[in-house]
Amino acid sequence: MVLSAAALLSSCGSKIDTRNKMIISARDQRLLLIRDGKPVKSYRVSTSKYGLGSQAGSKRTPLGRMAVAKKIGGGARSGTVFKSRRPTGEVLKPNAPGRDPIVSRIIWLRGKEYYNRNTFRRYIYIHGTPVERNIGRPASYGCIRMRSRDVIDLYRRIGVGAEVRIIRGGLYSTTEGKKYYTRRYGTPGAVNTASAG
């Protein structure tokens, strides 16, 4: 199956997404999607096993305010392997043995603060991984990894320009996180953010 360049790369001529925002918690290993100021959905993720930071070559996940710069892979099959942001033609099932390539979708980030301004040049993405058993704990080489079905869902919901904020603390430390967990679980004090869905 041949995918058009327009389907695989959507950043040129697209309307800037000002309605969606994502908060990624390194402590909780979760991404919270917010639309029009209201929390919509939480996904389990995996940040870097090397910790947090923006140093070139560090393989760490950057902190701070960012935005979606490019979306790559729209229309590709779940599990499609990407190398240098191009589909190879190979498709992997979740937890396929042997390798750990980027799969399914790529959401390429651009830093918006002085200390994370190199995020785009560092090729920091939100992307799918075939090693889904490691989702929920730090296991990446700097990017934010997601299950294929989750990154496909997120990709469909957000556009280029959507705000991304990566924080060290828990989602519950944010106004949006409190709203999400209170709405979902009722009593704020009873929330266990490590296991919440």
C-alpha atoms as a PDB file:
ATOM      1  CA  MET A   1       0.000   0.000   0.000  1.00  0.00           C
ATOM      2  CA  VAL A   2       1.470   3.366  -1.003  1.00  0.00           C
ATOM      3  CA  LEU A   3       0.669   6.331   1.209  1.00  0.00           C
ATOM      4  CA  SER A   4       0.674   9.836  -0.194  1.00  0.00           C
ATOM      5  CA  ALA A   5       3.144  12.349   1.185  1.00  0.00           C
ATOM      6  CA  ALA A   6       0.214  14.544   2.255  1.00  0.00           C
ATOM      7  CA  ALA A   7      -1.268  11.725   4.316  1.00  0.00           C
ATOM      8  CA  LEU A   8       2.032  10.884   5.979  1.00  0.00           C
ATOM      9  CA  LEU A   9       3.177  14.423   6.778  1.00  0.00           C
ATOM     10  CA  SER A  10       0.682  17.002   7.886  1.00  0.00           C
ATOM     11  CA  SER A  11       2.179  20.327   8.874  1.00  0.00           C
ATOM     12  CA  CYS A  12       2.150  22.537   5.802  1.00  0.00           C
ATOM     13  CA  GLY A  13      -0.929  24.675   5.277  1.00  0.00           C
ATOM     14  CA  SER A  14      -2.713  23.206   8.287  1.00  0.00           C
ATOM     15  CA  LYS A  15      -4.777  25.356  10.610  1.00  0.00           C
ATOM     16  CA  ILE A  16      -3.003  25.892  13.939  1.00  0.00           C
ATOM     17  CA  ASP A  17      -4.629  23.884  16.735  1.00  0.00           C
ATOM     18  CA  THR A  18      -5.401  26.266  19.602  1.00  0.00           C
ATOM     19  CA  ARG A  19      -8.135  24.099  21.163  1.00  0.00           C
ATOM     20  CA  ASN A  20      -6.058  21.130  22.317  1.00  0.00           C
ATOM     21  CA  LYS A  21      -3.343  20.969  24.938  1.00  0.00           C
ATOM     22  CA  MET A  22      -1.381  18.065  26.400  1.00  0.00           C
ATOM     23  CA  ILE A  23       0.276  17.797  29.792  1.00  0.00           C
ATOM     24  CA  ILE A  24       2.788  14.974  30.189  1.00  0.00           C
ATOM     25  CA  SER A  25       3.776  13.975  33.717  1.00  0.00           C
ATOM     26  CA  ALA A  26       7.167  12.288  34.117  1.00  0.00           C
ATOM     27  CA  ARG A  27       6.241  11.238  37.653  1.00  0.00           C
ATOM     28  CA  ASP A  28       2.923   9.633  36.670  1.00  0.00           C
ATOM     29  CA  GLN A  29       4.090   8.458  33.205  1.00  0.00           C
ATOM     30  CA  ARG A  30       0.815   9.834  31.831  1.00  0.00           C
ATOM     31  CA  LEU A  31      -0.349  12.259  29.162  1.00  0.00           C
ATOM     32  CA  LEU A  32      -3.516  14.266  29.820  1.00  0.00           C
ATOM     33  CA  LEU A  33      -5.351  15.632  26.782  1.00  0.00           C
ATOM     34  CA  ILE A  34      -7.269  18.865  27.349  1.00  0.00           C
ATOM     35  CA  ARG A  35      -9.719  20.344  24.831  1.00  0.00           C
ATOM     36  CA  ASP A  36     -11.104  23.863  25.249  1.00  0.00           C
ATOM     37  CA  GLY A  37      -9.796  23.918  28.817  1.00  0.00           C
ATOM     38  CA  LYS A  38     -11.524  20.676  29.813  1.00  0.00           C
ATOM     39  CA  PRO A  39      -9.665  17.414  30.478  1.00  0.00           C
ATOM     40  CA  VAL A  40     -10.728  14.785  27.945  1.00  0.00           C
ATOM     41  CA  LYS A  41      -8.586  11.685  28.238  1.00  0.00           C
ATOM     42  CA  SER A  42      -5.503  10.283  29.963  1.00  0.00           C
ATOM     43  CA  TYR A  43      -3.005   7.937  28.302  1.00  0.00           C
ATOM     44  CA  ARG A  44      -0.149   5.927  29.798  1.00  0.00           C
ATOM     45  CA  VAL A  45       3.238   6.878  28.322  1.00  0.00           C
ATOM     46  CA  SER A  46       6.933   6.204  28.725  1.00  0.00           C
ATOM     47  CA  THR A  47       9.501   8.999  29.071  1.00  0.00           C
ATOM     48  CA  SER A  48      13.298   8.614  29.003  1.00  0.00           C
ATOM     49  CA  LYS A  49      15.079   6.014  31.092  1.00  0.00           C
ATOM     50  CA  TYR A  50      17.951   8.536  31.261  1.00  0.00           C
ATOM     51  CA  GLY A  51      15.848  11.116  33.098  1.00  0.00           C
ATOM     52  CA  LEU A  52      14.821  14.666  32.252  1.00  0.00           C
ATOM     53  CA  GLY A  53      16.740  17.416  30.472  1.00  0.00           C
ATOM     54  CA  SER A  54      17.392  19.216  27.222  1.00  0.00           C
ATOM     55  CA  GLN A  55      21.118  18.685  26.731  1.00  0.00           C
ATOM     56  CA  ALA A  56      22.046  17.616  23.193  1.00  0.00           C
ATOM     57  CA  GLY A  57      23.022  13.951  23.073  1.00  0.00           C
ATOM     58  CA  SER A  58      21.710  13.275  26.586  1.00  0.00           C
ATOM     59  CA  LYS A  59      18.823  10.978  25.523  1.00  0.00           C
ATOM     60  CA  ARG A  60      16.717  12.734  28.179  1.00  0.00           C
ATOM     61  CA  THR A  61      13.119  13.910  27.881  1.00  0.00           C
ATOM     62  CA  PRO A  62      12.916  17.723  27.828  1.00  0.00           C
ATOM     63  CA  LEU A  63      10.747  19.659  30.283  1.00  0.00           C
ATOM     64  CA  GLY A  64       8.665  22.779  29.690  1.00  0.00           C
ATOM     65  CA  ARG A  65       6.362  24.282  27.102  1.00  0.00           C
ATOM     66  CA  MET A  66       6.412  22.903  23.567  1.00  0.00           C
ATOM     67  CA  ALA A  67       4.121  22.644  20.563  1.00  0.00           C
ATOM     68  CA  VAL A  68       3.326  20.063  17.912  1.00  0.00           C
ATOM     69  CA  ALA A  69       5.542  20.994  14.947  1.00  0.00           C
ATOM     70  CA  LYS A  70       4.694  18.133  12.554  1.00  0.00           C
ATOM     71  CA  LYS A  71       2.455  15.095  12.388  1.00  0.00           C
ATOM     72  CA  ILE A  72       3.757  12.116  10.433  1.00  0.00           C
ATOM     73  CA  GLY A  73       2.089   8.823   9.566  1.00  0.00           C
ATOM     74  CA  GLY A  74      -1.592   9.657   9.140  1.00  0.00           C
ATOM     75  CA  GLY A  75      -3.235   6.758   7.299  1.00  0.00           C
ATOM     76  CA  ALA A  76      -0.427   4.282   8.049  1.00  0.00           C
ATOM     77  CA  ARG A  77      -1.408   0.907   9.482  1.00  0.00           C
ATOM     78  CA  SER A  78      -1.031   0.390  13.208  1.00  0.00           C
ATOM     79  CA  GLY A  79       2.485  -0.953  13.813  1.00  0.00           C
ATOM     80  CA  THR A  80       3.969   0.567  10.631  1.00  0.00           C
ATOM     81  CA  VAL A  81       7.724   0.964  11.184  1.00  0.00           C
ATOM     82  CA  PHE A  82       9.282   4.382  10.509  1.00  0.00           C
ATOM     83  CA  LYS A  83      12.966   5.033   9.871  1.00  0.00           C
ATOM     84  CA  SER A  84      14.089   8.646   9.430  1.00  0.00           C
ATOM     85  CA  ARG A  85      10.368   9.521   9.575  1.00  0.00           C
ATOM     86  CA  ARG A  86       9.551   7.413   6.498  1.00  0.00           C
ATOM     87  CA  PRO A  87       7.577   4.164   6.475  1.00  0.00           C
ATOM     88  CA  THR A  88       9.758   1.135   5.738  1.00  0.00           C
ATOM     89  CA  GLY A  89       6.888  -1.123   4.657  1.00  0.00           C
ATOM     90  CA  GLU A  90       7.313  -3.335   7.718  1.00  0.00           C
ATOM     91  CA  VAL A  91       4.468  -3.693  10.230  1.00  0.00           C
ATOM     92  CA  LEU A  92       5.060  -4.968  13.777  1.00  0.00           C
ATOM     93  CA  LYS A  93       2.579  -6.333  16.288  1.00  0.00           C
ATOM     94  CA  PRO A  94       2.653  -5.099  19.902  1.00  0.00           C
ATOM     95  CA  ASN A  95       5.529  -6.631  21.898  1.00  0.00           C
ATOM     96  CA  ALA A  96       7.099  -8.210  18.805  1.00  0.00           C
ATOM     97  CA  PRO A  97      10.492  -9.585  19.873  1.00  0.00           C
ATOM     98  CA  GLY A  98      13.839  -8.270  18.767  1.00  0.00           C
ATOM     99  CA  ARG A  99      13.701  -4.579  17.947  1.00  0.00           C
ATOM    100  CA  ASP A 100      12.382  -1.280  19.243  1.00  0.00           C
ATOM    101  CA  PRO A 101      11.683   1.022  16.268  1.00  0.00           C
ATOM    102  CA  ILE A 102       9.309   3.983  16.027  1.00  0.00           C
ATOM    103  CA  VAL A 103       5.893   2.767  14.882  1.00  0.00           C
ATOM    104  CA  SER A 104       2.356   3.873  13.939  1.00  0.00           C
ATOM    105  CA  ARG A 105       2.509   7.704  14.264  1.00  0.00           C
ATOM    106  CA  ILE A 106       5.029  10.485  14.923  1.00  0.00           C
ATOM    107  CA  ILE A 107       4.090  13.757  16.615  1.00  0.00           C
ATOM    108  CA  TRP A 108       7.232  15.891  16.356  1.00  0.00           C
ATOM    109  CA  LEU A 109       7.696  18.541  19.047  1.00  0.00           C
ATOM    110  CA  ARG A 110       9.220  22.024  18.983  1.00  0.00           C
ATOM    111  CA  GLY A 111      10.458  23.696  22.199  1.00  0.00           C
ATOM    112  CA  LYS A 112       8.992  27.095  23.058  1.00  0.00           C
ATOM    113  CA  GLU A 113      11.322  28.048  25.897  1.00  0.00           C
ATOM    114  CA  TYR A 114      14.983  29.027  25.897  1.00  0.00           C
ATOM    115  CA  TYR A 115      16.206  25.897  27.678  1.00  0.00           C
ATOM    116  CA  ASN A 116      14.260  23.450  25.443  1.00  0.00           C
ATOM    117  CA  ARG A 117      14.661  25.321  22.138  1.00  0.00           C
ATOM    118  CA  ASN A 118      16.679  22.396  20.711  1.00  0.00           C
ATOM    119  CA  THR A 119      13.778  19.927  21.079  1.00  0.00           C
ATOM    120  CA  PHE A 120      13.006  19.836  17.338  1.00  0.00           C
ATOM    121  CA  ARG A 121      16.692  19.378  16.410  1.00  0.00           C
ATOM    122  CA  ARG A 122      16.942  16.567  18.977  1.00  0.00           C
ATOM    123  CA  TYR A 123      14.113  14.730  17.161  1.00  0.00           C
ATOM    124  CA  ILE A 124      11.891  14.556  20.246  1.00  0.00           C
ATOM    125  CA  TYR A 125       8.587  12.913  19.298  1.00  0.00           C
ATOM    126  CA  ILE A 126       5.479  11.478  20.799  1.00  0.00           C
ATOM    127  CA  HIS A 127       5.386   8.151  18.956  1.00  0.00           C
ATOM    128  CA  GLY A 128       4.222   4.576  18.994  1.00  0.00           C
ATOM    129  CA  THR A 129       6.391   1.722  20.230  1.00  0.00           C
ATOM    130  CA  PRO A 130       6.067  -2.015  19.686  1.00  0.00           C
ATOM    131  CA  VAL A 131       7.471  -2.570  23.212  1.00  0.00           C
ATOM    132  CA  GLU A 132       4.129  -1.847  24.855  1.00  0.00           C
ATOM    133  CA  ARG A 133       4.924  -3.867  27.988  1.00  0.00           C
ATOM    134  CA  ASN A 134       7.239  -1.001  29.067  1.00  0.00           C
ATOM    135  CA  ILE A 135       4.581   1.703  28.805  1.00  0.00           C
ATOM    136  CA  GLY A 136       3.961   3.258  32.209  1.00  0.00           C
ATOM    137  CA  ARG A 137       7.605   3.426  33.246  1.00  0.00           C
ATOM    138  CA  PRO A 138      10.630   5.390  31.954  1.00  0.00           C
ATOM    139  CA  ALA A 139      12.063   3.357  29.056  1.00  0.00           C
ATOM    140  CA  SER A 140      12.653   5.670  26.078  1.00  0.00           C
ATOM    141  CA  TYR A 141      15.721   7.409  24.668  1.00  0.00           C
ATOM    142  CA  GLY A 142      14.255  10.902  25.081  1.00  0.00           C
ATOM    143  CA  CYS A 143      10.928  10.700  23.266  1.00  0.00           C
ATOM    144  CA  ILE A 144       7.491  10.080  24.734  1.00  0.00           C
ATOM    145  CA  ARG A 145       6.353   6.584  23.807  1.00  0.00           C
ATOM    146  CA  MET A 146       2.768   5.388  23.606  1.00  0.00           C
ATOM    147  CA  ARG A 147       0.897   2.229  22.698  1.00  0.00           C
ATOM    148  CA  SER A 148       0.035   2.180  18.993  1.00  0.00           C
ATOM    149  CA  ARG A 149      -3.728   2.372  19.539  1.00  0.00           C
ATOM    150  CA  ASP A 150      -3.245   5.315  21.924  1.00  0.00           C
ATOM    151  CA  VAL A 151      -0.910   7.345  19.713  1.00  0.00           C
ATOM    152  CA  ILE A 152      -3.241   6.787  16.739  1.00  0.00           C
ATOM    153  CA  ASP A 153      -6.149   8.067  18.847  1.00  0.00           C
ATOM    154  CA  LEU A 154      -4.164  11.087  20.077  1.00  0.00           C
ATOM    155  CA  TYR A 155      -2.925  11.859  16.538  1.00  0.00           C
ATOM    156  CA  ARG A 156      -6.540  11.947  15.324  1.00  0.00           C
ATOM    157  CA  ARG A 157      -7.599  14.349  18.082  1.00  0.00           C
ATOM    158  CA  ILE A 158      -4.835  16.990  17.915  1.00  0.00           C
ATOM    159  CA  GLY A 159      -3.353  19.233  15.246  1.00  0.00           C
ATOM    160  CA  VAL A 160      -0.146  21.066  14.446  1.00  0.00           C
ATOM    161  CA  GLY A 161       0.407  23.886  16.915  1.00  0.00           C
ATOM    162  CA  ALA A 162      -1.278  22.132  19.844  1.00  0.00           C
ATOM    163  CA  GLU A 163       0.448  23.027  23.109  1.00  0.00           C
ATOM    164  CA  VAL A 164       2.449  20.386  24.981  1.00  0.00           C
ATOM    165  CA  ARG A 165       3.782  20.823  28.508  1.00  0.00           C
ATOM    166  CA  ILE A 166       6.085  18.235  30.049  1.00  0.00           C
ATOM    167  CA  ILE A 167       6.283  18.444  33.832  1.00  0.00           C
ATOM    168  CA  ARG A 168       8.393  16.708  36.455  1.00  0.00           C
ATOM    169  CA  GLY A 169       5.531  16.415  38.996  1.00  0.00           C
ATOM    170  CA  GLY A 170       2.227  14.595  38.952  1.00  0.00           C
ATOM    171  CA  LEU A 171      -0.809  15.496  36.881  1.00  0.00           C
ATOM    172  CA  TYR A 172      -2.731  16.080  40.080  1.00  0.00           C
ATOM    173  CA  SER A 173      -0.462  19.073  40.784  1.00  0.00           C
ATOM    174  CA  THR A 174      -2.080  20.859  37.791  1.00  0.00           C
ATOM    175  CA  THR A 175      -5.516  22.481  37.683  1.00  0.00           C
ATOM    176  CA  GLU A 176      -6.507  20.349  34.696  1.00  0.00           C
ATOM    177  CA  GLY A 177      -5.272  17.168  36.363  1.00  0.00           C
ATOM    178  CA  LYS A 178      -7.309  17.888  39.497  1.00  0.00           C
ATOM    179  CA  LYS A 179     -10.411  18.452  37.344  1.00  0.00           C
ATOM    180  CA  TYR A 180      -9.838  15.210  35.446  1.00  0.00           C
ATOM    181  CA  TYR A 181      -9.307  13.002  38.487  1.00  0.00           C
ATOM    182  CA  THR A 182     -12.075  14.646  40.530  1.00  0.00           C
ATOM    183  CA  ARG A 183     -14.536  14.168  37.643  1.00  0.00           C
ATOM    184  CA  ARG A 184     -13.411  10.610  37.042  1.00  0.00           C
ATOM    185  CA  TYR A 185     -13.087   9.400  40.625  1.00  0.00           C
ATOM    186  CA  GLY A 186     -15.205  11.831  42.651  1.00  0.00           C
ATOM    187  CA  THR A 187     -13.213  12.338  45.821  1.00  0.00           C
ATOM    188  CA  PRO A 188      -9.904  14.070  45.080  1.00  0.00           C
ATOM    189  CA  GLY A 189      -8.153  12.549  48.101  1.00  0.00           C
ATOM    190  CA  ALA A 190      -8.884   8.991  46.940  1.00  0.00           C
ATOM    191  CA  VAL A 191      -7.079   9.350  43.620  1.00  0.00           C
ATOM    192  CA  ASN A 192      -4.150   7.078  42.906  1.00  0.00           C
ATOM    193  CA  THR A 193      -2.660   8.785  39.835  1.00  0.00           C
ATOM    194  CA  ALA A 194      -0.186   5.964  39.233  1.00  0.00           C
ATOM    195  CA  SER A 195      -2.971   3.551  38.359  1.00  0.00           C
ATOM    196  CA  ALA A 196      -5.724   5.878  37.169  1.00  0.00           C
ATOM    197  CA  GLY A 197      -6.967   5.446  33.596  1.00  0.00           C
END
